[in-house]
N, C-alpha and C. Protein backbone atom coordinates (compact mmCIF):
# COMPACT_ATOMS: atom_id res chain seq x y z
N SER A 1 -64.66 16.88 -51.40
CA SER A 1 -65.61 17.70 -52.11
C SER A 1 -65.12 18.52 -53.12
N ASN A 2 -65.93 18.83 -54.06
CA ASN A 2 -65.38 19.91 -55.22
C ASN A 2 -66.18 21.01 -55.18
N THR A 3 -65.85 21.97 -56.21
CA THR A 3 -66.53 23.30 -56.44
C THR A 3 -68.04 23.43 -56.63
N PHE A 4 -68.55 22.12 -56.95
CA PHE A 4 -70.04 21.93 -57.44
C PHE A 4 -70.54 21.31 -56.25
N GLY A 5 -70.14 21.17 -55.09
CA GLY A 5 -70.83 20.77 -53.86
C GLY A 5 -70.92 19.20 -53.86
N CYS A 6 -70.37 18.58 -54.69
CA CYS A 6 -70.37 17.01 -54.72
C CYS A 6 -69.51 16.63 -53.48
N THR A 7 -69.81 15.48 -52.60
CA THR A 7 -68.74 15.18 -51.82
C THR A 7 -68.75 13.66 -51.84
N ASP A 8 -67.74 12.97 -51.50
CA ASP A 8 -67.65 11.64 -51.39
C ASP A 8 -66.63 11.27 -50.15
N SER A 9 -66.43 9.96 -49.66
CA SER A 9 -65.40 9.70 -48.81
C SER A 9 -64.98 8.22 -49.21
N VAL A 10 -63.74 8.08 -48.71
CA VAL A 10 -63.02 6.72 -48.83
C VAL A 10 -62.68 6.42 -47.53
N LYS A 11 -62.72 5.13 -47.24
CA LYS A 11 -62.24 4.62 -45.82
C LYS A 11 -60.95 3.43 -46.36
N LYS A 12 -59.98 3.53 -45.38
CA LYS A 12 -58.92 2.52 -45.63
C LYS A 12 -58.29 2.26 -44.14
N SER A 13 -58.13 0.98 -44.01
CA SER A 13 -57.54 0.49 -42.68
C SER A 13 -56.17 0.41 -43.02
N ILE A 14 -55.42 1.12 -41.87
CA ILE A 14 -54.02 1.23 -41.91
C ILE A 14 -53.57 0.52 -40.89
N VAL A 15 -52.50 -0.47 -40.78
CA VAL A 15 -52.09 -1.36 -39.63
C VAL A 15 -50.70 -0.58 -39.25
N ILE A 16 -50.80 -0.25 -38.06
CA ILE A 16 -49.53 0.30 -37.24
C ILE A 16 -48.96 -0.59 -36.60
N THR A 17 -47.73 -0.92 -36.76
CA THR A 17 -46.81 -1.88 -36.01
C THR A 17 -46.02 -1.07 -35.03
N ASN A 18 -45.46 -1.87 -34.06
CA ASN A 18 -44.37 -1.29 -33.15
C ASN A 18 -43.01 -1.25 -33.74
N GLY A 19 -42.87 -1.53 -35.03
CA GLY A 19 -41.58 -1.43 -35.70
C GLY A 19 -41.47 -2.85 -36.42
N PRO A 20 -40.35 -2.80 -37.25
CA PRO A 20 -40.12 -3.81 -38.01
C PRO A 20 -39.63 -5.22 -37.28
N ASN A 21 -40.04 -6.33 -37.69
CA ASN A 21 -39.63 -7.60 -36.69
C ASN A 21 -38.07 -7.84 -36.98
N ILE A 22 -37.35 -7.99 -35.88
CA ILE A 22 -36.03 -8.20 -35.97
C ILE A 22 -35.76 -9.76 -35.86
N GLY A 23 -36.77 -10.42 -35.40
CA GLY A 23 -36.40 -11.84 -35.26
C GLY A 23 -35.17 -12.24 -34.60
N LEU A 24 -34.95 -11.81 -33.61
CA LEU A 24 -33.66 -11.97 -32.82
C LEU A 24 -33.95 -13.61 -31.97
N ILE A 25 -32.82 -14.14 -32.25
CA ILE A 25 -32.72 -15.50 -31.60
C ILE A 25 -31.20 -15.84 -30.95
N PRO A 26 -31.16 -16.32 -29.90
CA PRO A 26 -32.24 -16.34 -28.77
C PRO A 26 -32.47 -15.02 -28.07
N HIS A 27 -33.52 -15.19 -27.14
CA HIS A 27 -33.54 -14.05 -26.36
C HIS A 27 -32.80 -13.97 -25.11
N ASP A 28 -33.02 -14.83 -24.26
CA ASP A 28 -32.06 -15.00 -23.02
C ASP A 28 -31.55 -16.47 -22.98
N THR A 29 -30.30 -16.50 -22.72
CA THR A 29 -29.53 -17.86 -22.85
C THR A 29 -28.29 -17.89 -21.94
N LEU A 30 -27.82 -19.32 -21.92
CA LEU A 30 -26.78 -19.31 -21.13
C LEU A 30 -25.78 -19.93 -21.86
N ILE A 31 -24.38 -19.62 -21.58
CA ILE A 31 -23.01 -20.15 -22.17
C ILE A 31 -22.08 -20.47 -21.04
N CYS A 32 -21.04 -21.21 -21.52
CA CYS A 32 -20.00 -21.16 -20.68
C CYS A 32 -18.67 -20.26 -21.11
N THR A 33 -18.04 -19.97 -20.26
CA THR A 33 -16.86 -19.02 -20.37
C THR A 33 -16.13 -19.28 -21.57
N ILE A 34 -16.09 -20.51 -22.00
CA ILE A 34 -15.02 -20.78 -22.99
C ILE A 34 -15.98 -20.97 -24.40
N ASP A 35 -17.08 -20.50 -24.35
CA ASP A 35 -17.97 -20.85 -25.54
C ASP A 35 -18.09 -19.55 -26.32
N THR A 36 -18.70 -19.55 -27.65
CA THR A 36 -19.03 -18.69 -28.48
C THR A 36 -20.40 -18.76 -28.97
N LEU A 37 -21.17 -17.66 -28.71
CA LEU A 37 -22.71 -17.80 -29.23
C LEU A 37 -22.82 -17.07 -30.49
N LYS A 38 -23.70 -17.66 -31.48
CA LYS A 38 -24.16 -16.52 -32.62
C LYS A 38 -25.51 -15.96 -32.35
N LEU A 39 -25.49 -14.65 -32.49
CA LEU A 39 -26.81 -14.02 -32.29
C LEU A 39 -27.41 -14.03 -33.60
N GLN A 40 -28.55 -14.41 -33.74
CA GLN A 40 -29.29 -14.52 -35.08
C GLN A 40 -30.50 -13.71 -35.11
N THR A 41 -30.46 -12.99 -36.31
CA THR A 41 -31.74 -12.30 -36.65
C THR A 41 -32.28 -12.78 -37.98
N SER A 42 -33.52 -12.52 -38.34
CA SER A 42 -34.36 -13.06 -39.45
C SER A 42 -34.67 -11.90 -40.48
N SER A 43 -34.04 -10.65 -40.41
CA SER A 43 -34.45 -9.57 -40.96
C SER A 43 -33.30 -9.11 -41.63
N THR A 44 -33.68 -8.23 -42.86
CA THR A 44 -32.62 -7.64 -43.62
C THR A 44 -32.53 -6.16 -43.60
N GLY A 45 -31.47 -5.40 -43.20
CA GLY A 45 -31.46 -4.07 -43.03
C GLY A 45 -30.17 -3.48 -42.40
N ASN A 46 -30.08 -2.69 -41.40
CA ASN A 46 -28.90 -2.01 -40.89
C ASN A 46 -28.98 -2.38 -39.21
N PHE A 47 -28.08 -2.83 -38.82
CA PHE A 47 -27.77 -3.34 -37.43
C PHE A 47 -26.75 -2.58 -36.73
N ILE A 48 -27.10 -2.23 -35.60
CA ILE A 48 -26.12 -1.72 -34.63
C ILE A 48 -26.11 -2.26 -33.18
N TRP A 49 -25.15 -2.99 -32.87
CA TRP A 49 -25.27 -3.60 -31.66
C TRP A 49 -24.38 -3.10 -30.46
N SER A 50 -24.84 -3.25 -29.31
CA SER A 50 -24.02 -2.61 -28.41
C SER A 50 -24.25 -3.40 -27.03
N PRO A 51 -23.28 -3.43 -26.06
CA PRO A 51 -22.05 -2.80 -25.95
C PRO A 51 -21.26 -3.50 -27.00
N ASN A 52 -19.96 -2.82 -27.31
CA ASN A 52 -18.95 -3.45 -28.30
C ASN A 52 -18.11 -4.17 -27.28
N TYR A 53 -18.25 -5.25 -26.62
CA TYR A 53 -17.87 -6.02 -25.83
C TYR A 53 -17.78 -7.66 -26.23
N ASN A 54 -16.56 -8.11 -26.55
CA ASN A 54 -16.36 -9.67 -26.95
C ASN A 54 -17.43 -9.83 -28.06
N ILE A 55 -17.59 -9.12 -29.22
CA ILE A 55 -18.51 -9.20 -30.19
C ILE A 55 -17.84 -9.05 -31.43
N SER A 56 -18.02 -9.85 -32.37
CA SER A 56 -17.13 -10.11 -33.69
C SER A 56 -17.50 -8.76 -34.41
N SER A 57 -18.72 -8.19 -34.58
CA SER A 57 -19.16 -7.01 -35.33
C SER A 57 -20.28 -6.31 -34.89
N ILE A 58 -20.11 -4.95 -34.52
CA ILE A 58 -21.60 -4.19 -34.08
C ILE A 58 -22.26 -3.98 -35.26
N THR A 59 -22.04 -4.20 -36.47
CA THR A 59 -22.97 -3.95 -37.67
C THR A 59 -23.27 -5.16 -38.51
N ASN A 60 -23.02 -6.36 -37.89
CA ASN A 60 -23.24 -7.48 -38.66
C ASN A 60 -24.77 -8.01 -38.10
N ALA A 61 -25.67 -8.76 -38.77
CA ALA A 61 -26.83 -9.23 -38.52
C ALA A 61 -26.92 -10.29 -37.62
N ASN A 62 -25.83 -11.03 -37.66
CA ASN A 62 -25.59 -12.17 -36.87
C ASN A 62 -24.21 -12.27 -36.37
N PRO A 63 -23.93 -11.51 -35.27
CA PRO A 63 -22.50 -11.46 -34.82
C PRO A 63 -22.32 -12.62 -33.94
N LEU A 64 -21.04 -12.97 -33.60
CA LEU A 64 -20.54 -14.01 -32.66
C LEU A 64 -20.27 -13.16 -31.48
N VAL A 65 -20.63 -13.65 -30.27
CA VAL A 65 -20.19 -12.95 -29.09
C VAL A 65 -19.59 -13.98 -28.15
N SER A 66 -18.87 -13.65 -27.24
CA SER A 66 -18.15 -14.51 -26.31
C SER A 66 -17.68 -13.76 -25.15
N PRO A 67 -18.72 -13.35 -24.35
CA PRO A 67 -18.57 -12.72 -23.08
C PRO A 67 -18.10 -13.41 -21.88
N ASP A 68 -17.26 -12.92 -20.98
CA ASP A 68 -16.87 -13.62 -20.02
C ASP A 68 -17.56 -13.30 -18.63
N VAL A 69 -18.47 -12.41 -18.72
CA VAL A 69 -19.31 -12.04 -17.69
C VAL A 69 -20.76 -12.10 -18.27
N PRO A 70 -22.03 -12.03 -17.42
CA PRO A 70 -23.09 -11.81 -17.90
C PRO A 70 -23.16 -10.63 -18.59
N THR A 71 -23.93 -10.68 -19.77
CA THR A 71 -23.84 -9.34 -20.66
C THR A 71 -25.22 -9.27 -21.26
N THR A 72 -25.81 -8.09 -21.35
CA THR A 72 -26.86 -7.94 -22.25
C THR A 72 -26.30 -7.19 -23.41
N TYR A 73 -26.79 -7.68 -24.54
CA TYR A 73 -26.51 -7.02 -25.88
C TYR A 73 -27.75 -6.61 -26.50
N PHE A 74 -27.81 -5.33 -26.75
CA PHE A 74 -28.84 -4.50 -27.43
C PHE A 74 -28.66 -4.39 -28.86
N VAL A 75 -29.70 -4.36 -29.65
CA VAL A 75 -29.51 -4.25 -31.25
C VAL A 75 -30.71 -3.13 -31.64
N SER A 76 -30.17 -2.28 -32.33
CA SER A 76 -30.87 -1.21 -32.95
C SER A 76 -31.01 -1.51 -34.54
N PHE A 77 -32.29 -1.71 -34.86
CA PHE A 77 -32.48 -2.24 -36.40
C PHE A 77 -33.32 -1.18 -37.20
N THR A 78 -32.92 -1.06 -38.39
CA THR A 78 -33.66 -0.07 -39.27
C THR A 78 -33.67 -0.97 -40.79
N ASP A 79 -34.84 -0.93 -41.09
CA ASP A 79 -35.17 -1.69 -42.30
C ASP A 79 -35.14 -0.77 -43.37
N PHE A 80 -35.26 -1.21 -44.60
CA PHE A 80 -35.05 -0.50 -45.86
C PHE A 80 -35.97 0.56 -46.03
N ALA A 81 -37.16 0.52 -45.31
CA ALA A 81 -38.16 1.81 -45.45
C ALA A 81 -37.84 2.77 -44.47
N GLY A 82 -36.75 2.66 -43.62
CA GLY A 82 -36.52 3.58 -42.56
C GLY A 82 -37.06 3.36 -41.45
N CYS A 83 -37.87 2.27 -41.24
CA CYS A 83 -38.57 1.90 -39.84
C CYS A 83 -37.55 1.38 -38.92
N LYS A 84 -37.80 1.74 -37.53
CA LYS A 84 -36.87 1.37 -36.65
C LYS A 84 -37.55 0.52 -35.65
N ASN A 85 -36.49 -0.33 -34.86
CA ASN A 85 -36.84 -1.27 -33.76
C ASN A 85 -35.79 -1.45 -33.06
N THR A 86 -35.95 -1.98 -31.85
CA THR A 86 -34.84 -2.46 -30.85
C THR A 86 -35.26 -3.66 -30.19
N ASP A 87 -34.13 -4.47 -29.71
CA ASP A 87 -34.42 -5.54 -29.13
C ASP A 87 -33.15 -5.83 -28.23
N SER A 88 -33.19 -7.00 -27.51
CA SER A 88 -31.96 -7.42 -26.60
C SER A 88 -31.71 -8.87 -26.30
N VAL A 89 -30.71 -9.34 -26.06
CA VAL A 89 -30.68 -10.66 -25.67
C VAL A 89 -29.44 -10.57 -24.17
N PHE A 90 -29.98 -11.35 -23.28
CA PHE A 90 -29.20 -11.62 -22.11
C PHE A 90 -28.56 -12.63 -22.33
N VAL A 91 -27.13 -12.70 -22.03
CA VAL A 91 -26.29 -13.86 -22.08
C VAL A 91 -25.82 -14.03 -20.79
N ASP A 92 -26.14 -15.12 -20.16
CA ASP A 92 -25.73 -15.34 -18.72
C ASP A 92 -24.31 -16.35 -19.06
N VAL A 93 -23.31 -16.14 -18.05
CA VAL A 93 -22.01 -16.81 -18.44
C VAL A 93 -21.83 -17.51 -17.08
N LYS A 94 -21.59 -18.92 -17.23
CA LYS A 94 -21.07 -19.76 -16.05
C LYS A 94 -19.65 -20.29 -16.46
N PRO A 95 -18.88 -20.52 -15.37
CA PRO A 95 -17.45 -20.82 -15.73
C PRO A 95 -17.46 -22.40 -15.64
N PHE A 96 -18.56 -23.26 -15.27
CA PHE A 96 -18.57 -24.74 -15.37
C PHE A 96 -20.04 -25.03 -15.29
N ALA A 97 -20.45 -26.34 -15.76
CA ALA A 97 -21.81 -26.78 -15.42
C ALA A 97 -21.82 -27.47 -14.12
N THR A 98 -23.03 -27.45 -13.49
CA THR A 98 -22.95 -28.37 -12.26
C THR A 98 -24.31 -29.26 -12.36
N ILE A 99 -24.02 -30.33 -11.69
CA ILE A 99 -25.22 -31.57 -11.86
C ILE A 99 -25.01 -32.24 -10.58
N ASN A 100 -26.39 -32.52 -10.08
CA ASN A 100 -26.62 -33.57 -9.04
C ASN A 100 -27.65 -34.40 -9.16
N ALA A 101 -27.37 -35.65 -9.61
CA ALA A 101 -28.57 -36.56 -9.80
C ALA A 101 -29.34 -36.93 -8.55
N GLY A 102 -28.94 -36.73 -7.31
CA GLY A 102 -29.79 -36.96 -6.22
C GLY A 102 -28.92 -38.13 -5.51
N ASN A 103 -29.76 -38.43 -4.19
CA ASN A 103 -29.10 -39.50 -3.53
C ASN A 103 -29.57 -40.77 -4.06
N ASP A 104 -28.82 -41.93 -3.96
CA ASP A 104 -29.06 -43.22 -4.30
C ASP A 104 -30.31 -43.46 -3.63
N THR A 105 -31.40 -44.46 -4.21
CA THR A 105 -32.51 -44.63 -3.66
C THR A 105 -33.17 -45.96 -3.91
N THR A 106 -33.94 -46.68 -2.95
CA THR A 106 -34.46 -47.79 -3.08
C THR A 106 -36.18 -47.70 -3.51
N ILE A 107 -36.41 -48.48 -4.39
CA ILE A 107 -38.07 -48.42 -4.48
C ILE A 107 -38.73 -49.76 -4.57
N CYS A 108 -39.78 -49.90 -4.64
CA CYS A 108 -40.49 -51.18 -4.75
C CYS A 108 -40.37 -51.67 -6.26
N ALA A 109 -40.15 -53.09 -6.38
CA ALA A 109 -40.12 -53.57 -7.70
C ALA A 109 -41.37 -53.02 -8.40
N LEU A 110 -41.11 -52.79 -9.80
CA LEU A 110 -42.37 -52.56 -10.80
C LEU A 110 -43.01 -51.15 -10.49
N ASP A 111 -42.18 -50.41 -9.61
CA ASP A 111 -42.76 -48.93 -9.44
C ASP A 111 -41.70 -48.01 -10.16
N GLY A 112 -42.30 -46.88 -10.49
CA GLY A 112 -41.45 -45.86 -11.27
C GLY A 112 -40.90 -44.82 -10.15
N PHE A 113 -39.92 -44.19 -10.78
CA PHE A 113 -39.29 -43.30 -9.93
C PHE A 113 -38.64 -42.06 -10.92
N ILE A 114 -38.92 -40.93 -10.44
CA ILE A 114 -38.59 -39.61 -11.53
C ILE A 114 -37.34 -39.28 -10.64
N ILE A 115 -36.21 -39.30 -11.46
CA ILE A 115 -34.68 -38.83 -10.83
C ILE A 115 -34.88 -37.36 -10.86
N ASN A 116 -34.78 -36.48 -9.60
CA ASN A 116 -34.93 -35.19 -9.46
C ASN A 116 -33.49 -34.75 -9.57
N THR A 117 -33.00 -34.53 -10.84
CA THR A 117 -31.68 -33.85 -11.13
C THR A 117 -31.65 -32.41 -10.91
N ILE A 118 -30.58 -31.98 -10.04
CA ILE A 118 -30.46 -30.53 -9.84
C ILE A 118 -29.16 -30.01 -10.70
N SER A 119 -29.43 -29.06 -11.66
CA SER A 119 -28.47 -28.67 -12.54
C SER A 119 -28.76 -27.45 -13.29
N ASP A 120 -27.74 -26.65 -13.66
CA ASP A 120 -27.65 -25.66 -14.30
C ASP A 120 -27.57 -25.98 -15.94
N ALA A 121 -27.20 -27.27 -16.31
CA ALA A 121 -26.77 -27.69 -17.72
C ALA A 121 -28.20 -27.31 -18.61
N LEU A 122 -27.93 -27.16 -19.84
CA LEU A 122 -28.88 -27.22 -20.81
C LEU A 122 -29.20 -28.50 -21.64
N ASN A 123 -28.15 -29.45 -21.60
CA ASN A 123 -28.41 -30.59 -22.35
C ASN A 123 -27.99 -31.77 -21.36
N PHE A 124 -28.70 -32.97 -21.51
CA PHE A 124 -28.49 -33.94 -20.70
C PHE A 124 -28.23 -35.31 -21.52
N LYS A 125 -27.45 -36.21 -21.02
CA LYS A 125 -27.30 -37.48 -21.56
C LYS A 125 -27.27 -38.70 -20.66
N TRP A 126 -27.99 -39.46 -20.28
CA TRP A 126 -28.15 -40.62 -19.38
C TRP A 126 -27.59 -42.13 -20.03
N SER A 127 -26.75 -42.66 -19.27
CA SER A 127 -26.45 -43.75 -19.65
C SER A 127 -26.50 -44.80 -18.27
N PRO A 128 -26.72 -46.14 -18.60
CA PRO A 128 -27.34 -46.51 -19.77
C PRO A 128 -28.65 -46.33 -19.99
N THR A 129 -29.46 -46.41 -21.12
CA THR A 129 -30.58 -46.01 -21.40
C THR A 129 -31.69 -46.98 -21.10
N THR A 130 -31.47 -48.00 -20.57
CA THR A 130 -32.30 -49.13 -20.02
C THR A 130 -33.32 -48.66 -19.12
N TYR A 131 -34.52 -48.91 -19.17
CA TYR A 131 -35.47 -48.53 -18.26
C TYR A 131 -35.97 -47.11 -18.08
N LEU A 132 -35.25 -46.06 -19.01
CA LEU A 132 -35.40 -44.69 -18.89
C LEU A 132 -36.64 -44.34 -19.73
N SER A 133 -37.34 -43.24 -19.20
CA SER A 133 -38.44 -42.90 -20.26
C SER A 133 -37.78 -42.01 -21.46
N SER A 134 -36.68 -41.30 -21.16
CA SER A 134 -35.94 -40.55 -22.03
C SER A 134 -34.48 -40.47 -21.52
N ALA A 135 -33.49 -40.56 -22.57
CA ALA A 135 -32.04 -40.41 -22.04
C ALA A 135 -31.62 -38.97 -22.15
N SER A 136 -32.33 -38.11 -22.68
CA SER A 136 -31.96 -36.65 -22.87
C SER A 136 -32.68 -35.60 -22.19
N ILE A 137 -33.41 -35.85 -21.06
CA ILE A 137 -33.89 -34.80 -20.35
C ILE A 137 -33.57 -34.93 -18.91
N LYS A 138 -33.79 -33.78 -18.25
CA LYS A 138 -33.33 -33.56 -16.87
C LYS A 138 -33.62 -34.53 -15.89
N ASN A 139 -34.84 -34.73 -15.95
CA ASN A 139 -35.69 -35.56 -14.95
C ASN A 139 -36.50 -36.72 -15.54
N PRO A 140 -35.64 -37.69 -15.88
CA PRO A 140 -36.21 -38.89 -16.48
C PRO A 140 -36.97 -39.86 -15.56
N LEU A 141 -38.00 -40.55 -16.03
CA LEU A 141 -38.89 -41.43 -15.15
C LEU A 141 -38.09 -42.86 -15.33
N VAL A 142 -37.76 -43.55 -14.36
CA VAL A 142 -37.18 -44.83 -14.34
C VAL A 142 -37.80 -45.86 -13.69
N THR A 143 -38.07 -47.17 -14.36
CA THR A 143 -38.86 -48.20 -13.94
C THR A 143 -38.08 -49.50 -14.16
N PRO A 144 -37.00 -49.62 -13.26
CA PRO A 144 -36.14 -50.74 -13.13
C PRO A 144 -36.84 -52.10 -13.32
N LEU A 145 -36.34 -53.10 -13.96
CA LEU A 145 -36.70 -54.34 -13.75
C LEU A 145 -35.69 -55.45 -13.12
N VAL A 146 -34.47 -54.74 -12.63
CA VAL A 146 -33.44 -55.45 -11.92
C VAL A 146 -33.05 -55.05 -10.60
N PRO A 147 -32.46 -55.84 -9.93
CA PRO A 147 -32.38 -55.48 -8.39
C PRO A 147 -31.47 -54.19 -8.24
N SER A 148 -30.71 -53.70 -8.99
CA SER A 148 -29.89 -52.56 -9.02
C SER A 148 -29.35 -52.21 -10.41
N ILE A 149 -29.41 -50.65 -10.28
CA ILE A 149 -28.82 -50.03 -11.71
C ILE A 149 -28.33 -48.77 -11.17
N THR A 150 -26.96 -48.65 -11.63
CA THR A 150 -26.57 -47.36 -11.66
C THR A 150 -26.55 -46.38 -13.11
N TYR A 151 -27.12 -45.14 -12.98
CA TYR A 151 -27.28 -44.39 -14.04
C TYR A 151 -26.06 -43.20 -13.94
N THR A 152 -25.48 -42.97 -14.95
CA THR A 152 -24.54 -41.74 -14.99
C THR A 152 -25.37 -40.71 -15.99
N VAL A 153 -25.16 -39.66 -15.52
CA VAL A 153 -25.57 -38.57 -16.36
C VAL A 153 -24.76 -37.45 -16.69
N VAL A 154 -24.46 -36.79 -17.74
CA VAL A 154 -23.56 -35.83 -18.04
C VAL A 154 -24.33 -34.83 -18.59
N GLY A 155 -24.14 -33.69 -17.94
CA GLY A 155 -24.71 -32.15 -18.29
C GLY A 155 -23.78 -31.25 -19.09
N ASN A 156 -24.38 -30.61 -19.89
CA ASN A 156 -23.46 -29.77 -20.78
C ASN A 156 -24.19 -28.26 -20.79
N ILE A 157 -23.26 -27.33 -20.65
CA ILE A 157 -23.48 -25.91 -21.07
C ILE A 157 -22.38 -25.69 -22.14
N GLY A 158 -22.83 -25.78 -23.28
CA GLY A 158 -21.94 -25.83 -24.44
C GLY A 158 -20.84 -26.65 -24.16
N LYS A 159 -19.69 -26.23 -24.31
CA LYS A 159 -18.47 -27.22 -24.07
C LYS A 159 -18.04 -27.59 -22.69
N CYS A 160 -18.60 -26.80 -21.67
CA CYS A 160 -18.45 -27.37 -20.41
C CYS A 160 -19.47 -28.52 -20.06
N GLN A 161 -18.78 -29.37 -19.12
CA GLN A 161 -19.70 -30.44 -18.89
C GLN A 161 -19.40 -30.86 -17.43
N SER A 162 -20.45 -31.66 -16.79
CA SER A 162 -20.09 -32.19 -15.43
C SER A 162 -20.85 -33.62 -15.50
N GLN A 163 -20.73 -34.41 -14.63
CA GLN A 163 -21.39 -35.70 -14.63
C GLN A 163 -21.67 -36.18 -13.15
N ASP A 164 -22.55 -36.90 -12.87
CA ASP A 164 -23.07 -37.42 -11.53
C ASP A 164 -23.58 -38.81 -11.76
N GLN A 165 -23.74 -39.57 -10.72
CA GLN A 165 -24.37 -41.06 -10.76
C GLN A 165 -25.41 -41.22 -9.53
N ILE A 166 -26.42 -41.85 -9.95
CA ILE A 166 -27.36 -42.41 -9.02
C ILE A 166 -27.66 -43.77 -9.13
N THR A 167 -27.68 -44.49 -8.23
CA THR A 167 -27.96 -45.96 -8.11
C THR A 167 -29.56 -46.17 -7.53
N ILE A 168 -30.28 -47.06 -8.47
CA ILE A 168 -31.44 -47.29 -7.97
C ILE A 168 -31.80 -48.90 -7.65
N ARG A 169 -32.13 -49.01 -6.61
CA ARG A 169 -32.32 -50.38 -5.91
C ARG A 169 -33.87 -50.86 -5.93
N THR A 170 -34.08 -51.98 -6.26
CA THR A 170 -35.45 -52.58 -6.07
C THR A 170 -35.48 -53.78 -5.16
N VAL A 171 -36.80 -53.63 -4.40
CA VAL A 171 -36.95 -54.62 -3.52
C VAL A 171 -38.45 -55.01 -3.82
N ALA A 172 -38.75 -56.40 -3.46
CA ALA A 172 -40.02 -56.88 -3.62
C ALA A 172 -40.94 -56.37 -2.81
N PRO A 173 -42.35 -56.14 -3.05
CA PRO A 173 -43.15 -55.59 -2.37
C PRO A 173 -43.43 -56.24 -1.11
N PRO A 174 -43.80 -55.69 0.05
CA PRO A 174 -43.96 -56.68 1.20
C PRO A 174 -44.99 -57.60 1.31
N LYS A 175 -44.88 -58.68 1.88
CA LYS A 175 -46.06 -59.69 1.97
C LYS A 175 -46.84 -59.32 3.34
N VAL A 176 -48.11 -59.44 3.07
CA VAL A 176 -48.95 -59.14 4.05
C VAL A 176 -49.73 -60.17 4.61
N LYS A 177 -49.91 -60.52 5.92
CA LYS A 177 -50.40 -61.56 6.60
C LYS A 177 -51.35 -60.97 7.58
N VAL A 178 -52.60 -61.27 7.71
CA VAL A 178 -53.30 -60.76 8.92
C VAL A 178 -53.69 -61.68 9.78
N GLY A 179 -53.65 -63.03 9.59
CA GLY A 179 -54.02 -63.94 10.50
C GLY A 179 -55.46 -64.71 9.84
N LYS A 180 -55.65 -65.67 10.84
CA LYS A 180 -57.20 -66.32 10.64
C LYS A 180 -58.29 -65.46 10.94
N ASP A 181 -59.34 -65.68 10.46
CA ASP A 181 -60.62 -64.92 10.69
C ASP A 181 -60.99 -65.41 12.02
N THR A 182 -61.56 -64.65 13.00
CA THR A 182 -62.02 -64.92 14.37
C THR A 182 -63.50 -64.27 14.60
N LEU A 183 -64.07 -64.89 15.75
CA LEU A 183 -65.35 -64.23 16.00
C LEU A 183 -65.14 -63.63 17.44
N VAL A 184 -65.77 -62.56 17.62
CA VAL A 184 -65.81 -61.78 18.76
C VAL A 184 -67.17 -61.77 19.56
């Protein structure tokens, strides 16, 4: 209002966020004790990482970390406008990769079978790739057209790897005979 009694109003929407986006990748992950992991952010500004434990730089936007025990890294970020935000990444550390493709099994010919692999690996490679739904997943579907096939799977956590084998045998479906029709 002014001294003459005239009044007016203005409305404006203001968006208030929780803080600037850090864009931290990854959030929680798994590495092997002999690996190094790059923590990546997609923002520009000032960074402070903690703890200062097996980290290449506590002020770099994308530091390299190589913890030998499970560690949570925290980052404090301040953008150029002075806005602040925090985030964290949990890095689980394994001394080796484990993998178990399961017991050898027998199925009916033309049936499918999902291999129930038990593993903490992050990447998988099956061979041979014949009759597999995918050669790079943990639990592929196999539909063998041969009497027997042995698959080898290699699982990796970074540079650590382990392997196992499973043999799938097929048998012909049973023949059903019920006898001649009869009257009672």
